Protein backbone atom coordinates (compact mmCIF):
# COMPACT_ATOMS: atom_id res chain seq x y z
CA MET A 1 27.14 0.75 -3.43
CA ASP A 2 29.60 2.91 -1.65
CA GLY A 3 32.21 5.53 -2.98
CA ARG A 4 35.07 2.94 -2.12
CA ASP A 5 33.00 0.22 -3.86
CA VAL A 6 32.86 2.83 -6.88
CA ALA A 7 37.02 3.72 -6.57
CA ARG A 8 37.85 -0.24 -6.77
CA LEU A 9 35.55 -0.58 -9.98
CA LEU A 10 37.02 2.55 -11.80
CA THR A 11 40.71 0.91 -10.95
CA VAL A 12 39.58 -2.57 -12.49
CA LEU A 13 37.97 -0.71 -15.30
CA GLU A 14 41.27 1.15 -15.72
CA ALA A 15 43.30 -1.99 -15.44
CA GLU A 16 41.26 -3.64 -18.02
CA TYR A 17 40.92 -0.79 -20.46
CA PRO A 18 43.60 1.26 -20.04
CA ASN A 19 42.99 3.19 -23.14
CA SER A 20 40.05 4.67 -22.19
CA PHE A 21 41.75 6.44 -18.97
CA SER A 22 44.87 7.21 -20.26
CA ARG A 23 44.09 10.86 -21.22
CA MET A 24 41.92 11.14 -18.22
CA THR A 25 42.86 13.81 -15.73
CA ASP A 26 42.76 13.45 -12.06
CA GLU A 27 39.87 15.93 -11.48
CA GLN A 28 37.88 13.98 -14.25
CA ARG A 29 38.48 10.70 -12.63
CA SER A 30 37.37 12.24 -9.47
CA LEU A 31 34.20 13.69 -11.17
CA LYS A 32 33.30 10.37 -12.84
CA GLN A 33 34.04 8.49 -9.28
CA GLU A 34 31.48 11.08 -7.71
CA LEU A 35 28.93 10.82 -10.44
CA TRP A 36 29.27 7.16 -10.58
CA ALA A 37 28.84 7.00 -6.50
CA LYS A 38 25.63 8.86 -7.14
CA GLU A 39 24.30 6.96 -9.89
CA PHE A 40 24.90 3.71 -7.99
CA LYS A 41 24.66 4.14 -4.59
CA ASN A 42 21.06 2.37 -4.55
CA ASP A 43 22.43 -0.43 -6.33
CA ASP A 44 23.82 -3.71 -4.66
CA SER A 45 27.68 -3.76 -5.76
CA VAL A 46 27.54 -7.42 -6.46
CA LEU A 47 25.11 -6.96 -9.35
CA VAL A 48 27.08 -4.15 -10.49
CA TYR A 49 30.34 -5.74 -10.38
CA ALA A 50 28.48 -8.93 -11.99
CA ALA A 51 27.27 -6.32 -14.90
CA VAL A 52 30.95 -5.08 -15.40
CA LYS A 53 32.22 -8.84 -15.69
CA ALA A 54 29.61 -9.58 -18.17
CA LEU A 55 30.70 -6.65 -20.21
CA MET A 56 34.35 -7.07 -20.16
CA TRP A 57 34.11 -10.70 -21.09
CA SER A 58 32.04 -9.81 -23.82
CA GLY A 59 35.10 -8.63 -25.80
CA ARG A 60 34.44 -4.88 -25.59
CA GLU A 61 37.65 -2.41 -26.80
CA PHE A 62 36.50 0.26 -24.46
CA ALA A 63 35.26 0.80 -21.16
CA PRO A 64 31.52 1.02 -20.53
CA ASN A 65 29.91 3.93 -19.48
CA SER A 66 27.37 4.10 -16.68
CA GLY A 67 24.25 3.74 -19.16
CA GLN A 68 25.75 0.67 -20.09
CA ILE A 69 26.51 -1.00 -17.30
CA ARG A 70 22.80 -0.11 -15.93
CA ASP A 71 21.54 -1.55 -19.00
CA LYS A 72 23.27 -4.73 -18.42
CA MET A 73 22.11 -4.72 -14.59
CA CYS A 74 19.03 -4.57 -16.13
CA GLU A 75 19.14 -7.20 -18.59
CA MET A 76 20.39 -9.38 -15.94
CA MET A 77 17.64 -8.86 -13.56
CA GLU A 78 14.93 -9.29 -16.78
CA SER A 79 15.98 -12.75 -16.80
CA ASN A 80 13.65 -13.57 -13.74
CA VAL A 81 10.64 -11.47 -15.42
CA LEU A 82 7.82 -13.35 -16.94
CA ASP A 83 6.64 -12.74 -20.42
CA GLU A 84 3.46 -12.22 -21.42
CA GLN A 85 2.13 -15.54 -22.14
CA GLN A 86 3.55 -17.23 -19.10
CA ALA A 87 1.78 -14.28 -17.07
CA TRP A 88 -1.54 -14.77 -18.79
CA ALA A 89 -1.13 -18.70 -18.12
CA LEU A 90 -1.07 -17.77 -14.20
CA VAL A 91 -4.03 -15.16 -14.60
CA SER A 92 -6.20 -17.80 -16.66
CA LYS A 93 -5.39 -20.45 -13.90
CA ALA A 94 -6.28 -17.80 -11.42
CA CYS A 95 -9.24 -17.26 -13.28
CA SER A 96 -10.80 -20.88 -13.02
CA ASN A 97 -11.25 -20.18 -9.28
CA GLY A 98 -12.37 -16.50 -9.45
CA SER A 99 -15.73 -16.92 -8.94
CA TYR A 100 -15.08 -17.61 -5.18
CA GLY A 101 -11.66 -17.57 -4.66
CA TYR A 102 -10.80 -14.42 -6.51
CA LYS A 103 -9.11 -12.23 -3.85
CA LYS A 104 -6.87 -15.14 -2.77
CA GLU A 105 -6.25 -15.99 -6.09
CA PHE A 106 -5.09 -12.57 -7.16
CA GLU A 107 -2.79 -12.15 -3.88
CA LYS A 108 -0.93 -15.47 -5.29
CA LEU A 109 -0.05 -13.47 -8.36
CA PRO A 110 3.02 -11.93 -8.74
CA PRO A 111 3.05 -7.95 -8.37
CA GLU A 112 3.79 -7.34 -11.95
CA VAL A 113 0.73 -9.47 -12.94
CA GLN A 114 -1.22 -7.78 -10.45
CA ARG A 115 -0.92 -4.40 -12.06
CA ALA A 116 -1.70 -5.96 -15.16
CA VAL A 117 -5.01 -7.21 -13.91
CA GLY A 118 -5.59 -4.11 -11.93
CA ARG A 119 -8.01 -5.90 -9.02
CA PRO A 120 -9.24 -8.79 -7.68
CA GLU A 121 -12.60 -8.19 -8.45
CA GLN A 122 -10.97 -8.35 -12.40
CA LEU A 123 -10.18 -12.12 -11.75
CA ARG A 124 -14.18 -12.59 -10.75
CA ASP A 125 -15.60 -10.83 -13.70
CA TRP A 126 -13.32 -12.69 -16.06
CA ALA A 127 -14.54 -15.77 -14.51
CA ALA A 128 -18.34 -14.89 -15.07
CA MET A 129 -17.65 -14.65 -18.89
CA GLU A 130 -17.33 -17.19 -21.61
CA ALA A 131 -14.31 -19.18 -21.94
CA GLU A 132 -13.75 -18.43 -25.46
CA THR A 133 -13.86 -14.73 -24.74
CA VAL A 134 -11.47 -14.69 -21.98
CA GLN A 135 -9.13 -16.94 -23.91
CA SER A 136 -9.14 -14.46 -26.72
CA VAL A 137 -10.07 -10.95 -26.31
CA VAL A 138 -9.49 -10.77 -22.55
CA ALA A 139 -6.00 -12.55 -23.13
CA SER A 140 -5.18 -10.35 -26.04
CA ASN A 141 -5.87 -7.54 -23.87
CA PHE A 142 -4.30 -8.52 -20.90
CA MET A 143 -1.34 -9.57 -22.84
CA ARG A 144 -0.95 -6.28 -24.32
CA SER A 145 -1.33 -4.26 -21.25
CA TYR A 146 1.25 -6.82 -19.61
CA ARG A 147 3.71 -6.02 -21.80
CA SER A 148 3.23 -2.34 -22.02
CA GLY A 149 3.47 -2.16 -18.35
CA MET A 150 7.01 -3.95 -18.59
CA VAL A 151 8.54 -1.76 -21.01
CA ARG A 152 7.28 1.00 -18.67
CA GLU A 153 8.87 -0.68 -15.62
CA LYS A 154 11.96 -1.45 -17.81
CA GLU A 155 12.83 2.24 -18.63
CA MET A 156 11.82 3.34 -14.95
CA ALA A 157 14.38 0.46 -13.59
CA ARG A 158 16.90 2.15 -16.18
CA ILE A 159 16.55 5.70 -14.60
CA PRO A 160 18.72 6.28 -11.14
CA GLN A 161 16.99 6.51 -8.03
CA ASP A 162 18.01 10.11 -7.12
CA VAL A 163 16.20 11.06 -10.63
CA LYS A 164 13.24 9.25 -9.64
CA ASN A 165 12.96 11.12 -6.63
CA LEU A 166 13.56 14.29 -8.46
CA ILE A 167 11.05 13.48 -11.03
CA GLY A 168 8.61 12.60 -7.66
CA ASN A 169 9.40 15.69 -6.08
CA ILE A 170 8.30 17.78 -9.27
CA SER A 171 5.14 15.39 -9.97
CA GLU A 172 3.87 16.45 -6.24
CA LYS A 173 4.96 20.06 -6.48
CA MET A 174 2.90 20.12 -9.81
CA LYS A 175 0.05 18.34 -8.04
CA LEU A 176 0.02 20.64 -5.43
CA GLU A 177 0.08 23.61 -7.45
CA GLY A 178 -2.63 22.42 -9.56
CA LYS A 179 -4.93 21.87 -6.34
CA ASN A 180 -4.34 25.31 -5.33
CA GLU A 181 -4.71 27.03 -8.68
CA GLY A 182 -8.25 25.05 -8.70
CA ARG A 183 -9.25 26.42 -5.65
CA TYR A 184 -8.46 30.02 -6.61
CA LEU A 185 -10.60 29.54 -9.67
CA GLU A 186 -13.30 28.09 -7.92
CA GLY A 187 -13.71 30.87 -5.34
């Protein structure tokens, strides 16, 4: 989404919610446009507009803020996400061929399910276990792990890309500083 898209979006919101914009100065409007352009620059404008339309049709009395728009976007995208029972059903099926075809079975799993399983060999290990243990203990642990992973992904999806980049840069810098400090301590 670019600056022109954001300007059009704000114009639509202003037409729909005139009271929310009535006391806004030109400087405030310009700042809002600049902030939203940065926040939504990596997002598909169709998705952003769809989220705004959904919020408008919900009967809101005030214009949504960028966080509410992002939440609605995430909510709209989550409709394609498997719940933990659906994910386990895929894993359970993959385990049935896990003794020999575990690598191929792992590759067939959606990426979020692969992350929860961890590695292809895990399917082989589960396939070698008693079915009752797999369908109770392993299933329970997998579903808990999958659910917590999806919560983490959901939270990360709500963070704008530039903030994610900033976090990554800080994290990388801290890792490098930690490695350098370790070298000084060793010598």
